[in-house]
Amino acid sequence: MHPVYETDSSVYRPGMTWTRISRRILPCPPSALWPSLADFTRWPDWDPDLTGAELHGPAEVGTTGFLVPSGFRGRVHSRVAEPFTITSWVQDREIAIRQPIPFGAMDLALRLSAVDGGTEFVQEITLAGPMRAVMVAVIGGDVVKHFDVKCAKLVSLAAQAEHDA
């Protein structure tokens, strides 16, 4: 099954917000995928857009952390970006973060829902603020474009964990 990309037009306001929702059914239960999502230090293992990630405390709403994007973006981000904040944390179901961007924010939510045949994995990204178009070009497009790679790596990590158990 190919991923579905949606734009919620009720959220889109030219120049202010950009939202993309990607979804795919993965052939494993949410509990097999959750460890790779819940451990921020493992995000670079499944997200090709990251080379580093850290959390500044326990995984819960309000905790901050830092993501290091790959390539040139990471070098710039490491010097100027503020930490992200966890905005939602529901065990085995959802992680959401808010990353400040110039004059706005990036909201990223990762959701798991048990369905027949596995788990529906949903990634929702919203970039908001007057620099939205620039941030879409810098990071937003890749977050959507690499969704298939993320899904494949998450399934591979879940299978490896099951094999190692």
Protein backbone atom coordinates (compact mmCIF):
# COMPACT_ATOMS: atom_id res chain seq x y z
CA MET A 1 0.00 0.00 0.00
CA HIS A 2 1.37 3.40 -0.97
CA PRO A 3 1.29 6.28 1.53
CA VAL A 4 -1.42 8.88 1.28
CA TYR A 5 -0.44 12.53 1.43
CA GLU A 6 -3.11 14.99 2.43
CA THR A 7 -3.35 18.73 2.79
CA ASP A 8 -5.92 19.98 5.26
CA SER A 9 -7.18 23.07 3.42
CA SER A 10 -8.98 24.23 6.54
CA VAL A 11 -5.55 24.76 8.11
CA TYR A 12 -3.78 26.23 5.09
CA ARG A 13 -3.57 30.00 4.93
CA PRO A 14 -1.26 31.37 2.23
CA GLY A 15 1.92 32.63 3.78
CA MET A 16 1.05 31.39 7.26
CA THR A 17 0.79 27.57 7.51
CA TRP A 18 1.68 24.46 5.55
CA THR A 19 0.45 21.05 6.70
CA ARG A 20 1.11 17.58 5.29
CA ILE A 21 -0.20 14.30 6.64
CA SER A 22 1.41 11.03 5.55
CA ARG A 23 0.08 7.62 6.54
CA ARG A 24 0.93 4.00 5.96
CA ILE A 25 -0.10 0.63 7.36
CA LEU A 26 2.96 -1.11 8.84
CA PRO A 27 2.92 -4.91 9.37
CA CYS A 28 3.62 -4.94 13.11
CA PRO A 29 1.83 -3.91 16.31
CA PRO A 30 2.23 -0.43 17.83
CA SER A 31 4.18 -1.95 20.75
CA ALA A 32 6.88 -3.13 18.30
CA LEU A 33 7.26 0.34 16.77
CA TRP A 34 7.01 2.41 19.94
CA PRO A 35 10.53 1.75 21.31
CA SER A 36 12.14 3.35 18.23
CA LEU A 37 9.81 6.35 18.41
CA ALA A 38 9.98 6.81 22.19
CA ASP A 39 13.80 6.81 22.33
CA PHE A 40 14.81 10.13 20.79
CA THR A 41 18.45 9.07 20.60
CA ARG A 42 17.32 6.37 18.12
CA TRP A 43 15.52 8.78 15.78
CA PRO A 44 18.55 9.02 13.46
CA ASP A 45 18.35 5.20 13.11
CA TRP A 46 15.06 5.53 11.22
CA ASP A 47 14.86 9.19 10.11
CA PRO A 48 17.24 9.98 7.22
CA ASP A 49 16.83 13.71 7.87
CA LEU A 50 18.57 13.50 11.27
CA THR A 51 22.12 12.82 12.41
CA GLY A 52 21.50 13.39 16.10
CA ALA A 53 18.80 13.73 18.72
CA GLU A 54 18.69 14.18 22.48
CA LEU A 55 16.13 14.68 25.19
CA HIS A 56 16.78 16.99 28.17
CA GLY A 57 14.84 14.98 30.73
CA PRO A 58 12.14 12.34 30.99
CA ALA A 59 9.97 11.68 27.95
CA GLU A 60 6.85 13.64 28.88
CA VAL A 61 4.93 16.74 27.87
CA GLY A 62 7.01 19.86 28.50
CA THR A 63 10.43 18.22 28.24
CA THR A 64 12.78 19.83 25.76
CA GLY A 65 15.29 18.27 23.43
CA PHE A 66 17.42 18.93 20.40
CA LEU A 67 17.37 17.47 16.90
CA VAL A 68 20.35 17.73 14.55
CA PRO A 69 19.30 17.67 10.89
CA SER A 70 21.60 16.08 8.34
CA GLY A 71 24.00 17.99 6.11
CA PHE A 72 24.43 21.75 6.00
CA ARG A 73 21.06 22.24 7.72
CA GLY A 74 22.42 20.50 10.79
CA ARG A 75 25.47 22.73 11.05
CA VAL A 76 23.29 25.85 10.88
CA HIS A 77 20.56 24.40 13.13
CA SER A 78 23.11 23.40 15.79
CA ARG A 79 24.31 26.99 16.03
CA VAL A 80 21.06 28.95 15.97
CA ALA A 81 18.06 26.75 16.81
CA GLU A 82 16.19 26.65 20.07
CA PRO A 83 15.28 23.29 21.61
CA PHE A 84 12.04 21.55 20.67
CA THR A 85 9.37 20.86 23.32
CA ILE A 86 7.30 17.69 23.64
CA THR A 87 3.67 18.79 23.26
CA SER A 88 2.01 15.35 23.38
CA TRP A 89 3.13 12.00 24.78
CA VAL A 90 0.71 9.07 24.85
CA GLN A 91 2.42 5.73 25.49
CA ASP A 92 2.32 3.44 22.41
CA ARG A 93 0.14 6.00 20.57
CA GLU A 94 1.54 9.47 19.96
CA ILE A 95 4.53 11.76 20.22
CA ALA A 96 4.30 15.40 19.17
CA ILE A 97 6.93 18.10 19.32
CA ARG A 98 7.07 21.82 18.60
CA GLN A 99 10.32 23.15 17.15
CA PRO A 100 10.69 26.93 17.01
CA ILE A 101 11.67 28.17 13.55
CA PRO A 102 12.38 31.76 12.51
CA PHE A 103 9.22 33.75 13.30
CA GLY A 104 7.12 30.60 13.74
CA ALA A 105 7.10 26.92 14.63
CA MET A 106 7.24 23.42 13.22
CA ASP A 107 4.79 20.99 14.79
CA LEU A 108 5.53 17.32 14.18
CA ALA A 109 3.22 14.54 15.36
CA LEU A 110 3.86 10.81 15.03
CA ARG A 111 0.84 8.60 15.70
CA LEU A 112 0.34 4.83 15.95
CA SER A 113 -3.07 3.15 15.76
CA ALA A 114 -3.69 -0.59 15.82
CA VAL A 115 -5.55 -1.76 12.70
CA ASP A 116 -6.21 -5.12 11.06
CA GLY A 117 -2.88 -6.29 9.70
CA GLY A 118 -0.67 -4.06 11.85
CA THR A 119 -0.39 -0.39 12.70
CA GLU A 120 -1.41 2.76 10.93
CA PHE A 121 1.59 5.09 11.23
CA VAL A 122 0.74 8.76 10.69
CA GLN A 123 3.17 11.63 10.41
CA GLU A 124 1.72 15.14 10.50
CA ILE A 125 3.93 18.17 9.97
CA THR A 126 2.83 21.80 10.12
CA LEU A 127 5.07 24.76 9.47
CA ALA A 128 3.63 28.09 10.54
CA GLY A 129 4.72 31.69 10.33
CA PRO A 130 5.79 34.21 7.73
CA MET A 131 8.95 32.19 6.92
CA ARG A 132 6.83 29.11 6.15
CA ALA A 133 7.73 28.95 2.45
CA VAL A 134 11.46 29.08 3.21
CA MET A 135 11.15 26.41 5.92
CA VAL A 136 9.17 24.15 3.57
CA ALA A 137 12.05 24.37 1.11
CA VAL A 138 14.68 23.83 3.82
CA ILE A 139 13.09 21.01 5.85
CA GLY A 140 9.40 20.41 5.26
CA GLY A 141 9.66 18.87 1.83
CA ASP A 142 12.22 16.30 2.97
CA VAL A 143 10.16 15.32 6.03
CA VAL A 144 7.34 14.35 3.65
CA LYS A 145 9.54 13.03 0.83
CA HIS A 146 11.38 10.59 3.12
CA PHE A 147 8.26 9.14 4.76
CA ASP A 148 8.59 5.82 2.86
CA VAL A 149 12.19 5.44 4.05
CA LYS A 150 11.16 6.14 7.65
CA CYS A 151 8.42 3.51 7.45
CA ALA A 152 10.77 0.87 6.04
CA LYS A 153 13.41 1.57 8.68
CA LEU A 154 10.87 1.48 11.53
CA VAL A 155 9.61 -1.92 10.34
CA SER A 156 13.19 -3.17 10.04
CA LEU A 157 14.04 -2.00 13.57
CA ALA A 158 10.89 -3.65 14.95
CA ALA A 159 11.77 -6.92 13.20
CA GLN A 160 15.35 -6.77 14.49
CA ALA A 161 14.15 -6.18 18.05
CA GLU A 162 11.78 -9.15 17.77
CA HIS A 163 14.61 -11.31 16.39
CA ASP A 164 16.96 -10.25 19.21
CA ALA A 165 14.36 -10.96 21.94
